[in-house]
Amino acid sequence: MAVRSVASTNSLETFRTTFNSLGTDVGDLSSLSTTAKGSIVLAINEINTSVTGTGFTLSDGSTTQTIVTGNTLTVTGTTGVSAAVTATDTLTLTLANDISTNVYADVLGAQHNADGTNAYTSIVVKVASKTTNHIYEGTGSSNGYKLDDVESPFVQFEPGNTYRFDQADSSNSGHPLLFYLDAAKNTVYSTGVTTNGTPGSAGAYTQIVVSTATPQRLYYQCSSHGYMGNLARTSSTSFADTATSAILTVKGGSITDSSGAISFGNENLTTTGSITVGSSGITFSDGTSQTSAGATNAFAIAQAVALG
């Protein structure tokens, strides 16, 4: 009677099945030999060892939790982490070598188009109800965008990169993502921006190619609903004039907009005509009359503009 073939990893049901399969009626235990009795006792003790185990303790360094027999340890939120339990009740957690999703590297522009073999960085867009984590919670739409499962984060673009906002998820239906010069969507920004498909359907996306001429401040927003997105910053030398839709570029010590003219908005220096800078100073013209400032005054004006 070889009941010792029951292993410690077997359940009580497995023990019963194995025991019964021996095909020998042990009858009165008192009639069994000492060896047979010992085999039965040892096999049962092996089962008892697994059933009455004291378990183990989990700790995060400050708080502990004991996992004992009958309890269940569930691992959730395992993006980039795999969990496996072997037949010997060994739990193995494996951390991926490269976790790119939801660790901000992809949406903060820390990598140059480093999204697998793609020529762009892919960002998965979903739509969900706003929480207090949304900068515009309580303003505009009650829904907001989630980028790689992060609720409407601030995004950092870098010149030379291409970013594709994947809107294939069904929650995007009716919420096309576009870029604007202001959060209120008064002026759309379309340079280097392409769209594909219908949001909420396979293959739908909005893509932006970022360059040194891309404004430092853009807003990704829904074209149909207000304040669903957030600010996207760009490391460039260009600024958006939201009042006139002009893009002001600072380069080589000069300030120019898309038409080549210089405008100072609400600064102390204003003009509705042109400004000419020469060796003798600055000449202001509105197309009819001219006013000149000498070299000394020109220097003071230039210094004021430079210092803001």
C-alpha atoms as a PDB file:
ATOM      1  CA  MET A   1       0.000   0.000   0.000  1.00  0.00           C
ATOM      2  CA  ALA A   2       1.966   3.007  -1.311  1.00  0.00           C
ATOM      3  CA  VAL A   3      -0.067   5.940  -0.033  1.00  0.00           C
ATOM      4  CA  ARG A   4       3.223   7.843   0.492  1.00  0.00           C
ATOM      5  CA  SER A   5       3.020   8.711  -3.186  1.00  0.00           C
ATOM      6  CA  VAL A   6       0.765  11.658  -2.244  1.00  0.00           C
ATOM      7  CA  ALA A   7       2.862  14.828  -2.429  1.00  0.00           C
ATOM      8  CA  SER A   8       2.664  17.815  -0.099  1.00  0.00           C
ATOM      9  CA  THR A   9       1.443  19.987  -2.942  1.00  0.00           C
ATOM     10  CA  ASN A  10      -1.670  17.871  -3.444  1.00  0.00           C
ATOM     11  CA  SER A  11      -5.089  18.850  -2.147  1.00  0.00           C
ATOM     12  CA  LEU A  12      -7.165  16.756   0.228  1.00  0.00           C
ATOM     13  CA  GLU A  13      -9.318  15.743  -2.718  1.00  0.00           C
ATOM     14  CA  THR A  14      -6.248  14.545  -4.597  1.00  0.00           C
ATOM     15  CA  PHE A  15      -5.199  12.589  -1.515  1.00  0.00           C
ATOM     16  CA  ARG A  16      -8.626  10.936  -1.337  1.00  0.00           C
ATOM     17  CA  THR A  17      -8.575  10.053  -5.011  1.00  0.00           C
ATOM     18  CA  THR A  18      -5.052   8.629  -4.830  1.00  0.00           C
ATOM     19  CA  PHE A  19      -5.847   6.693  -1.686  1.00  0.00           C
ATOM     20  CA  ASN A  20      -8.995   5.134  -3.180  1.00  0.00           C
ATOM     21  CA  SER A  21      -7.232   4.269  -6.438  1.00  0.00           C
ATOM     22  CA  LEU A  22      -4.942   1.845  -4.659  1.00  0.00           C
ATOM     23  CA  GLY A  23      -7.687  -0.760  -4.898  1.00  0.00           C
ATOM     24  CA  THR A  24      -6.910  -2.284  -1.490  1.00  0.00           C
ATOM     25  CA  ASP A  25      -9.411  -2.215   1.343  1.00  0.00           C
ATOM     26  CA  VAL A  26      -7.306  -1.416   4.373  1.00  0.00           C
ATOM     27  CA  GLY A  27     -10.106  -2.602   6.680  1.00  0.00           C
ATOM     28  CA  ASP A  28      -9.430  -2.280  10.370  1.00  0.00           C
ATOM     29  CA  LEU A  29      -6.391  -0.050  10.864  1.00  0.00           C
ATOM     30  CA  SER A  30      -5.393  -2.222  13.807  1.00  0.00           C
ATOM     31  CA  SER A  31      -4.706  -5.057  11.360  1.00  0.00           C
ATOM     32  CA  LEU A  32      -2.255  -2.942   9.343  1.00  0.00           C
ATOM     33  CA  SER A  33       1.467  -3.269   9.753  1.00  0.00           C
ATOM     34  CA  THR A  34       3.463  -0.549  11.412  1.00  0.00           C
ATOM     35  CA  THR A  35       4.918   0.498   8.037  1.00  0.00           C
ATOM     36  CA  ALA A  36       1.481   0.877   6.449  1.00  0.00           C
ATOM     37  CA  LYS A  37       0.194   2.876   9.385  1.00  0.00           C
ATOM     38  CA  GLY A  38       3.220   5.117   9.210  1.00  0.00           C
ATOM     39  CA  SER A  39       2.702   5.718   5.487  1.00  0.00           C
ATOM     40  CA  ILE A  40      -0.878   6.868   6.038  1.00  0.00           C
ATOM     41  CA  VAL A  41       0.047   9.172   8.900  1.00  0.00           C
ATOM     42  CA  LEU A  42       2.945  10.746   7.012  1.00  0.00           C
ATOM     43  CA  ALA A  43       0.815  11.358   3.908  1.00  0.00           C
ATOM     44  CA  ILE A  44      -1.902  13.034   5.981  1.00  0.00           C
ATOM     45  CA  ASN A  45       0.695  15.150   7.759  1.00  0.00           C
ATOM     46  CA  GLU A  46       1.966  16.377   4.384  1.00  0.00           C
ATOM     47  CA  ILE A  47      -1.560  17.505   3.485  1.00  0.00           C
ATOM     48  CA  ASN A  48      -2.005  19.141   6.886  1.00  0.00           C
ATOM     49  CA  THR A  49       1.233  21.042   6.419  1.00  0.00           C
ATOM     50  CA  SER A  50      -0.126  22.803   3.338  1.00  0.00           C
ATOM     51  CA  VAL A  51      -3.559  23.396   4.844  1.00  0.00           C
ATOM     52  CA  THR A  52      -2.400  24.868   8.142  1.00  0.00           C
ATOM     53  CA  GLY A  53       0.515  26.906   6.800  1.00  0.00           C
ATOM     54  CA  THR A  54       1.122  30.212   8.562  1.00  0.00           C
ATOM     55  CA  GLY A  55       1.379  32.159   5.287  1.00  0.00           C
ATOM     56  CA  PHE A  56       3.622  35.190   4.798  1.00  0.00           C
ATOM     57  CA  THR A  57       3.754  38.922   5.441  1.00  0.00           C
ATOM     58  CA  LEU A  58       3.727  41.710   2.865  1.00  0.00           C
ATOM     59  CA  SER A  59       5.355  45.026   3.752  1.00  0.00           C
ATOM     60  CA  ASP A  60       5.870  48.360   1.989  1.00  0.00           C
ATOM     61  CA  GLY A  61       8.433  49.423   4.576  1.00  0.00           C
ATOM     62  CA  SER A  62       5.950  50.938   6.986  1.00  0.00           C
ATOM     63  CA  THR A  63       2.699  48.952   6.805  1.00  0.00           C
ATOM     64  CA  THR A  64       2.453  45.157   6.926  1.00  0.00           C
ATOM     65  CA  GLN A  65      -0.273  42.725   5.921  1.00  0.00           C
ATOM     66  CA  THR A  66      -0.250  39.005   6.711  1.00  0.00           C
ATOM     67  CA  ILE A  67      -1.437  36.626   3.994  1.00  0.00           C
ATOM     68  CA  VAL A  68      -2.581  33.380   5.623  1.00  0.00           C
ATOM     69  CA  THR A  69      -4.182  30.181   4.392  1.00  0.00           C
ATOM     70  CA  GLY A  70      -7.598  30.913   2.979  1.00  0.00           C
ATOM     71  CA  ASN A  71      -6.704  34.493   1.953  1.00  0.00           C
ATOM     72  CA  THR A  72      -6.185  35.575  -1.649  1.00  0.00           C
ATOM     73  CA  LEU A  73      -3.459  37.892  -2.886  1.00  0.00           C
ATOM     74  CA  THR A  74      -4.614  39.711  -6.025  1.00  0.00           C
ATOM     75  CA  VAL A  75      -2.202  41.765  -8.130  1.00  0.00           C
ATOM     76  CA  THR A  76      -3.949  44.577 -10.052  1.00  0.00           C
ATOM     77  CA  GLY A  77      -2.831  47.485 -12.187  1.00  0.00           C
ATOM     78  CA  THR A  78      -0.119  45.318 -13.665  1.00  0.00           C
ATOM     79  CA  THR A  79       0.849  47.426 -16.683  1.00  0.00           C
ATOM     80  CA  GLY A  80       4.448  46.415 -17.310  1.00  0.00           C
ATOM     81  CA  VAL A  81       4.348  43.858 -14.492  1.00  0.00           C
ATOM     82  CA  SER A  82       3.538  40.166 -14.914  1.00  0.00           C
ATOM     83  CA  ALA A  83       2.433  37.913 -12.034  1.00  0.00           C
ATOM     84  CA  ALA A  84       2.548  34.112 -12.056  1.00  0.00           C
ATOM     85  CA  VAL A  85       1.751  31.491  -9.412  1.00  0.00           C
ATOM     86  CA  THR A  86       3.368  28.073  -9.809  1.00  0.00           C
ATOM     87  CA  ALA A  87       2.034  24.679  -8.736  1.00  0.00           C
ATOM     88  CA  THR A  88       4.173  24.947  -5.603  1.00  0.00           C
ATOM     89  CA  ASP A  89       2.397  28.162  -4.611  1.00  0.00           C
ATOM     90  CA  THR A  90       5.313  30.412  -5.516  1.00  0.00           C
ATOM     91  CA  LEU A  91       4.366  33.946  -6.542  1.00  0.00           C
ATOM     92  CA  THR A  92       6.687  35.556  -9.087  1.00  0.00           C
ATOM     93  CA  LEU A  93       6.380  39.232 -10.081  1.00  0.00           C
ATOM     94  CA  THR A  94       8.322  40.293 -13.175  1.00  0.00           C
ATOM     95  CA  LEU A  95       9.041  43.920 -14.076  1.00  0.00           C
ATOM     96  CA  ALA A  96       9.356  44.684 -17.774  1.00  0.00           C
ATOM     97  CA  ASN A  97      12.712  45.976 -18.979  1.00  0.00           C
ATOM     98  CA  ASP A  98      11.080  48.980 -20.639  1.00  0.00           C
ATOM     99  CA  ILE A  99       7.795  50.327 -19.295  1.00  0.00           C
ATOM    100  CA  SER A 100       6.741  53.068 -21.680  1.00  0.00           C
ATOM    101  CA  THR A 101       3.029  53.366 -20.928  1.00  0.00           C
ATOM    102  CA  ASN A 102       1.875  55.756 -18.243  1.00  0.00           C
ATOM    103  CA  VAL A 103       5.298  56.639 -16.916  1.00  0.00           C
ATOM    104  CA  TYR A 104       5.218  60.024 -18.695  1.00  0.00           C
ATOM    105  CA  ALA A 105       8.366  59.452 -20.787  1.00  0.00           C
ATOM    106  CA  ASP A 106       6.321  59.155 -23.960  1.00  0.00           C
ATOM    107  CA  VAL A 107       4.167  62.214 -23.275  1.00  0.00           C
ATOM    108  CA  LEU A 108       6.924  64.404 -21.854  1.00  0.00           C
ATOM    109  CA  GLY A 109       9.088  64.294 -24.951  1.00  0.00           C
ATOM    110  CA  ALA A 110      12.047  62.718 -23.151  1.00  0.00           C
ATOM    111  CA  GLN A 111      12.626  60.409 -26.091  1.00  0.00           C
ATOM    112  CA  HIS A 112      13.070  61.188 -29.762  1.00  0.00           C
ATOM    113  CA  ASN A 113      10.282  59.315 -31.556  1.00  0.00           C
ATOM    114  CA  ALA A 114      11.234  56.307 -29.442  1.00  0.00           C
ATOM    115  CA  ASP A 115       8.061  54.279 -29.716  1.00  0.00           C
ATOM    116  CA  GLY A 116       9.134  50.872 -30.945  1.00  0.00           C
ATOM    117  CA  THR A 117       9.803  50.990 -34.690  1.00  0.00           C
ATOM    118  CA  ASN A 118       7.369  53.844 -35.357  1.00  0.00           C
ATOM    119  CA  ALA A 119       8.429  57.192 -36.770  1.00  0.00           C
ATOM    120  CA  TYR A 120       6.243  58.860 -34.162  1.00  0.00           C
ATOM    121  CA  THR A 121       5.412  58.670 -30.474  1.00  0.00           C
ATOM    122  CA  SER A 122       1.962  57.139 -30.035  1.00  0.00           C
ATOM    123  CA  ILE A 123      -0.310  58.406 -27.244  1.00  0.00           C
ATOM    124  CA  VAL A 124      -3.553  56.524 -26.588  1.00  0.00           C
ATOM    125  CA  VAL A 125      -6.496  58.881 -26.036  1.00  0.00           C
ATOM    126  CA  LYS A 126      -9.646  57.989 -24.113  1.00  0.00           C
ATOM    127  CA  VAL A 127     -12.553  60.058 -22.831  1.00  0.00           C
ATOM    128  CA  ALA A 128     -13.886  59.777 -19.287  1.00  0.00           C
ATOM    129  CA  SER A 129     -15.742  61.869 -16.729  1.00  0.00           C
ATOM    130  CA  LYS A 130     -13.584  64.563 -15.171  1.00  0.00           C
ATOM    131  CA  THR A 131     -12.350  64.276 -11.623  1.00  0.00           C
ATOM    132  CA  THR A 132     -10.696  66.860  -9.391  1.00  0.00           C
ATOM    133  CA  ASN A 133      -7.401  65.831 -11.028  1.00  0.00           C
ATOM    134  CA  HIS A 134      -8.476  67.709 -14.174  1.00  0.00           C
ATOM    135  CA  ILE A 135      -7.272  71.326 -14.311  1.00  0.00           C
ATOM    136  CA  TYR A 136     -10.619  72.384 -15.850  1.00  0.00           C
ATOM    137  CA  GLU A 137     -12.868  70.292 -13.602  1.00  0.00           C
ATOM    138  CA  GLY A 138     -16.128  72.213 -13.249  1.00  0.00           C
ATOM    139  CA  THR A 139     -15.504  74.210 -16.445  1.00  0.00           C
ATOM    140  CA  GLY A 140     -16.798  73.312 -19.899  1.00  0.00           C
ATOM    141  CA  SER A 141     -17.589  69.682 -20.624  1.00  0.00           C
ATOM    142  CA  SER A 142     -18.041  67.185 -17.790  1.00  0.00           C
ATOM    143  CA  ASN A 143     -15.805  64.841 -19.804  1.00  0.00           C
ATOM    144  CA  GLY A 144     -12.073  65.084 -20.269  1.00  0.00           C
ATOM    145  CA  TYR A 145      -9.309  63.414 -22.224  1.00  0.00           C
ATOM    146  CA  LYS A 146      -7.066  60.739 -20.732  1.00  0.00           C
ATOM    147  CA  LEU A 147      -3.646  60.284 -22.352  1.00  0.00           C
ATOM    148  CA  ASP A 148      -2.146  56.839 -21.789  1.00  0.00           C
ATOM    149  CA  ASP A 149      -4.650  56.535 -18.905  1.00  0.00           C
ATOM    150  CA  VAL A 150      -3.436  59.776 -17.263  1.00  0.00           C
ATOM    151  CA  GLU A 151      -6.172  62.389 -16.861  1.00  0.00           C
ATOM    152  CA  SER A 152      -5.421  65.378 -19.134  1.00  0.00           C
ATOM    153  CA  PRO A 153      -1.758  65.833 -18.176  1.00  0.00           C
ATOM    154  CA  PHE A 154       0.439  68.753 -19.135  1.00  0.00           C
ATOM    155  CA  VAL A 155       2.334  67.594 -22.227  1.00  0.00           C
ATOM    156  CA  GLN A 156       5.852  68.480 -23.338  1.00  0.00           C
ATOM    157  CA  PHE A 157       6.615  68.514 -27.076  1.00  0.00           C
ATOM    158  CA  GLU A 158      10.126  68.622 -28.467  1.00  0.00           C
ATOM    159  CA  PRO A 159      11.116  69.978 -31.910  1.00  0.00           C
ATOM    160  CA  GLY A 160      11.952  67.237 -34.386  1.00  0.00           C
ATOM    161  CA  ASN A 161       9.411  64.842 -32.894  1.00  0.00           C
ATOM    162  CA  THR A 162       6.100  63.648 -34.273  1.00  0.00           C
ATOM    163  CA  TYR A 163       3.275  62.849 -31.855  1.00  0.00           C
ATOM    164  CA  ARG A 164       0.245  60.773 -32.796  1.00  0.00           C
ATOM    165  CA  PHE A 165      -2.826  60.984 -30.546  1.00  0.00           C
ATOM    166  CA  ASP A 166      -4.574  57.662 -31.143  1.00  0.00           C
ATOM    167  CA  GLN A 167      -8.366  58.136 -30.941  1.00  0.00           C
ATOM    168  CA  ALA A 168      -9.415  54.604 -31.930  1.00  0.00           C
ATOM    169  CA  ASP A 169     -10.996  53.881 -28.539  1.00  0.00           C
ATOM    170  CA  SER A 170     -14.806  53.974 -28.724  1.00  0.00           C
ATOM    171  CA  SER A 171     -14.977  56.564 -25.917  1.00  0.00           C
ATOM    172  CA  ASN A 172     -13.580  59.147 -28.378  1.00  0.00           C
ATOM    173  CA  SER A 173     -16.743  59.096 -30.489  1.00  0.00           C
ATOM    174  CA  GLY A 174     -17.889  62.703 -30.995  1.00  0.00           C
ATOM    175  CA  HIS A 175     -14.711  64.154 -29.443  1.00  0.00           C
ATOM    176  CA  PRO A 176     -12.205  65.091 -32.174  1.00  0.00           C
ATOM    177  CA  LEU A 177      -8.901  66.232 -30.704  1.00  0.00           C
ATOM    178  CA  LEU A 178      -7.329  69.341 -32.260  1.00  0.00           C
ATOM    179  CA  PHE A 179      -4.772  71.966 -31.237  1.00  0.00           C
ATOM    180  CA  TYR A 180      -5.444  75.600 -30.372  1.00  0.00           C
ATOM    181  CA  LEU A 181      -3.489  78.711 -29.415  1.00  0.00           C
ATOM    182  CA  ASP A 182      -5.670  79.185 -26.335  1.00  0.00           C
ATOM    183  CA  ALA A 183      -7.620  76.969 -23.947  1.00  0.00           C
ATOM    184  CA  ALA A 184     -10.926  78.558 -24.987  1.00  0.00           C
ATOM    185  CA  LYS A 185     -10.311  77.465 -28.612  1.00  0.00           C
ATOM    186  CA  ASN A 186     -10.558  80.929 -30.166  1.00  0.00           C
ATOM    187  CA  THR A 187      -7.785  80.137 -32.634  1.00  0.00           C
ATOM    188  CA  VAL A 188      -7.071  76.705 -34.101  1.00  0.00           C
ATOM    189  CA  TYR A 189      -3.471  75.708 -34.822  1.00  0.00           C
ATOM    190  CA  SER A 190      -3.073  73.523 -37.918  1.00  0.00           C
ATOM    191  CA  THR A 191       0.574  73.793 -39.008  1.00  0.00           C
ATOM    192  CA  GLY A 192       2.013  70.283 -39.123  1.00  0.00           C
ATOM    193  CA  VAL A 193      -1.279  68.843 -37.845  1.00  0.00           C
ATOM    194  CA  THR A 194      -3.062  66.014 -39.684  1.00  0.00           C
ATOM    195  CA  THR A 195      -6.117  63.963 -38.782  1.00  0.00           C
ATOM    196  CA  ASN A 196      -7.215  60.528 -39.933  1.00  0.00           C
ATOM    197  CA  GLY A 197     -10.492  58.628 -39.667  1.00  0.00           C
ATOM    198  CA  THR A 198     -13.400  59.181 -37.316  1.00  0.00           C
ATOM    199  CA  PRO A 199     -12.723  59.396 -33.557  1.00  0.00           C
ATOM    200  CA  GLY A 200     -13.986  56.257 -31.860  1.00  0.00           C
ATOM    201  CA  SER A 201     -13.189  54.060 -34.867  1.00  0.00           C
ATOM    202  CA  ALA A 202     -10.135  51.974 -35.736  1.00  0.00           C
ATOM    203  CA  GLY A 203      -7.309  53.981 -37.295  1.00  0.00           C
ATOM    204  CA  ALA A 204      -8.503  57.372 -36.031  1.00  0.00           C
ATOM    205  CA  TYR A 205      -5.818  59.790 -34.850  1.00  0.00           C
ATOM    206  CA  THR A 206      -4.636  63.389 -34.719  1.00  0.00           C
ATOM    207  CA  GLN A 207      -0.942  63.879 -35.416  1.00  0.00           C
ATOM    208  CA  ILE A 208       1.343  66.869 -34.977  1.00  0.00           C
ATOM    209  CA  VAL A 209       4.844  67.354 -36.360  1.00  0.00           C
ATOM    210  CA  VAL A 210       6.694  69.657 -33.966  1.00  0.00           C
ATOM    211  CA  SER A 211       9.404  72.050 -35.145  1.00  0.00           C
ATOM    212  CA  THR A 212      11.255  75.088 -33.820  1.00  0.00           C
ATOM    213  CA  ALA A 213       8.447  77.204 -35.325  1.00  0.00           C
ATOM    214  CA  THR A 214       5.758  75.467 -33.268  1.00  0.00           C
ATOM    215  CA  PRO A 215       4.433  77.893 -30.608  1.00  0.00           C
ATOM    216  CA  GLN A 216       5.666  77.361 -27.085  1.00  0.00           C
ATOM    217  CA  ARG A 217       2.097  77.094 -25.818  1.00  0.00           C
ATOM    218  CA  LEU A 218      -0.569  74.950 -27.494  1.00  0.00           C
ATOM    219  CA  TYR A 219      -3.714  73.405 -26.088  1.00  0.00           C
ATOM    220  CA  TYR A 220      -5.056  69.995 -27.055  1.00  0.00           C
ATOM    221  CA  GLN A 221      -8.839  70.305 -26.882  1.00  0.00           C
ATOM    222  CA  CYS A 222     -11.998  68.726 -28.267  1.00  0.00           C
ATOM    223  CA  SER A 223     -13.311  70.639 -31.279  1.00  0.00           C
ATOM    224  CA  SER A 224     -16.906  69.929 -30.184  1.00  0.00           C
ATOM    225  CA  HIS A 225     -16.771  70.460 -26.411  1.00  0.00           C
ATOM    226  CA  GLY A 226     -15.042  72.891 -24.089  1.00  0.00           C
ATOM    227  CA  TYR A 227     -12.010  72.412 -21.837  1.00  0.00           C
ATOM    228  CA  MET A 228     -11.552  68.652 -22.201  1.00  0.00           C
ATOM    229  CA  GLY A 229      -7.767  68.857 -22.591  1.00  0.00           C
ATOM    230  CA  ASN A 230      -4.806  70.765 -21.248  1.00  0.00           C
ATOM    231  CA  LEU A 231      -1.627  72.660 -22.127  1.00  0.00           C
ATOM    232  CA  ALA A 232       1.099  71.309 -24.420  1.00  0.00           C
ATOM    233  CA  ARG A 233       4.438  73.080 -24.064  1.00  0.00           C
ATOM    234  CA  THR A 234       7.103  73.148 -26.758  1.00  0.00           C
ATOM    235  CA  SER A 235      10.807  73.971 -26.492  1.00  0.00           C
ATOM    236  CA  SER A 236      10.926  76.458 -29.355  1.00  0.00           C
ATOM    237  CA  THR A 237      11.580  80.135 -30.084  1.00  0.00           C
ATOM    238  CA  SER A 238       8.046  80.907 -31.218  1.00  0.00           C
ATOM    239  CA  PHE A 239       5.171  82.518 -29.354  1.00  0.00           C
ATOM    240  CA  ALA A 240       1.497  82.640 -30.288  1.00  0.00           C
ATOM    241  CA  ASP A 241      -0.346  85.942 -30.517  1.00  0.00           C
ATOM    242  CA  THR A 242      -3.837  84.697 -29.699  1.00  0.00           C
ATOM    243  CA  ALA A 243      -5.465  88.016 -30.599  1.00  0.00           C
ATOM    244  CA  THR A 244      -4.320  88.115 -34.214  1.00  0.00           C
ATOM    245  CA  SER A 245      -3.435  84.450 -34.816  1.00  0.00           C
ATOM    246  CA  ALA A 246       0.113  85.538 -35.632  1.00  0.00           C
ATOM    247  CA  ILE A 247       3.103  83.489 -34.541  1.00  0.00           C
ATOM    248  CA  LEU A 248       5.918  85.656 -33.174  1.00  0.00           C
ATOM    249  CA  THR A 249       9.386  84.222 -33.619  1.00  0.00           C
ATOM    250  CA  VAL A 250      12.491  85.307 -31.708  1.00  0.00           C
ATOM    251  CA  LYS A 251      15.617  84.500 -33.674  1.00  0.00           C
ATOM    252  CA  GLY A 252      18.944  86.189 -34.221  1.00  0.00           C
ATOM    253  CA  GLY A 253      18.036  89.153 -32.037  1.00  0.00           C
ATOM    254  CA  SER A 254      14.870  90.037 -33.967  1.00  0.00           C
ATOM    255  CA  ILE A 255      11.150  89.548 -33.424  1.00  0.00           C
ATOM    256  CA  THR A 256       9.018  88.798 -36.471  1.00  0.00           C
ATOM    257  CA  ASP A 257       5.526  87.483 -36.995  1.00  0.00           C
ATOM    258  CA  SER A 258       4.229  85.385 -39.853  1.00  0.00           C
ATOM    259  CA  SER A 259       3.927  88.450 -42.110  1.00  0.00           C
ATOM    260  CA  GLY A 260       7.362  89.856 -41.272  1.00  0.00           C
ATOM    261  CA  ALA A 261       6.024  92.853 -39.298  1.00  0.00           C
ATOM    262  CA  ILE A 262       6.727  93.721 -35.689  1.00  0.00           C
ATOM    263  CA  SER A 263       3.885  94.294 -33.218  1.00  0.00           C
ATOM    264  CA  PHE A 264       4.083  95.160 -29.520  1.00  0.00           C
ATOM    265  CA  GLY A 265       0.424  94.601 -28.538  1.00  0.00           C
ATOM    266  CA  ASN A 266      -0.373  96.450 -25.301  1.00  0.00           C
ATOM    267  CA  GLU A 267       3.211  97.476 -24.541  1.00  0.00           C
ATOM    268  CA  ASN A 268       4.116 101.159 -24.047  1.00  0.00           C
ATOM    269  CA  LEU A 269       5.417 101.320 -27.614  1.00  0.00           C
ATOM    270  CA  THR A 270       2.598 101.027 -30.174  1.00  0.00           C
ATOM    271  CA  THR A 271       2.288 101.655 -33.890  1.00  0.00           C
ATOM    272  CA  THR A 272      -0.209 100.952 -36.628  1.00  0.00           C
ATOM    273  CA  GLY A 273       2.376 101.395 -39.355  1.00  0.00           C
ATOM    274  CA  SER A 274       5.949 100.234 -39.726  1.00  0.00           C
ATOM    275  CA  ILE A 275       9.164 100.548 -37.757  1.00  0.00           C
ATOM    276  CA  THR A 276      12.478 101.062 -39.527  1.00  0.00           C
ATOM    277  CA  VAL A 277      15.730 100.549 -37.661  1.00  0.00           C
ATOM    278  CA  GLY A 278      18.767 102.310 -39.155  1.00  0.00           C
ATOM    279  CA  SER A 279      22.195 103.500 -38.089  1.00  0.00           C
ATOM    280  CA  SER A 280      20.764 106.907 -37.102  1.00  0.00           C
ATOM    281  CA  GLY A 281      17.936 105.547 -34.969  1.00  0.00           C
ATOM    282  CA  ILE A 282      14.358 104.291 -35.348  1.00  0.00           C
ATOM    283  CA  THR A 283      11.773 105.730 -37.718  1.00  0.00           C
ATOM    284  CA  PHE A 284       8.066 105.208 -37.011  1.00  0.00           C
ATOM    285  CA  SER A 285       5.645 105.478 -39.912  1.00  0.00           C
ATOM    286  CA  ASP A 286       1.884 105.030 -40.185  1.00  0.00           C
ATOM    287  CA  GLY A 287       2.050 105.313 -43.975  1.00  0.00           C
ATOM    288  CA  THR A 288       1.392 109.059 -44.005  1.00  0.00           C
ATOM    289  CA  SER A 289       3.731 110.759 -41.549  1.00  0.00           C
ATOM    290  CA  GLN A 290       6.967 109.734 -39.903  1.00  0.00           C
ATOM    291  CA  THR A 291       8.509 110.262 -36.499  1.00  0.00           C
ATOM    292  CA  SER A 292      12.160 109.559 -35.844  1.00  0.00           C
ATOM    293  CA  ALA A 293      13.998 108.696 -32.658  1.00  0.00           C
ATOM    294  CA  GLY A 294      17.728 109.316 -32.481  1.00  0.00           C
ATOM    295  CA  ALA A 295      20.354 106.696 -31.801  1.00  0.00           C
ATOM    296  CA  THR A 296      20.243 107.275 -28.014  1.00  0.00           C
ATOM    297  CA  ASN A 297      16.473 106.894 -27.857  1.00  0.00           C
ATOM    298  CA  ALA A 298      16.651 103.935 -30.218  1.00  0.00           C
ATOM    299  CA  PHE A 299      18.985 102.203 -27.799  1.00  0.00           C
ATOM    300  CA  ALA A 300      16.625 102.868 -24.887  1.00  0.00           C
ATOM    301  CA  ILE A 301      13.668 101.495 -26.839  1.00  0.00           C
ATOM    302  CA  ALA A 302      15.593  98.414 -27.925  1.00  0.00           C
ATOM    303  CA  GLN A 303      16.707  97.837 -24.351  1.00  0.00           C
ATOM    304  CA  ALA A 304      13.121  98.176 -23.071  1.00  0.00           C
ATOM    305  CA  VAL A 305      11.886  95.694 -25.641  1.00  0.00           C
ATOM    306  CA  ALA A 306      14.663  93.253 -24.821  1.00  0.00           C
ATOM    307  CA  LEU A 307      14.020  93.458 -21.079  1.00  0.00           C
ATOM    308  CA  GLY A 308      10.229  93.353 -21.432  1.00  0.00           C
END
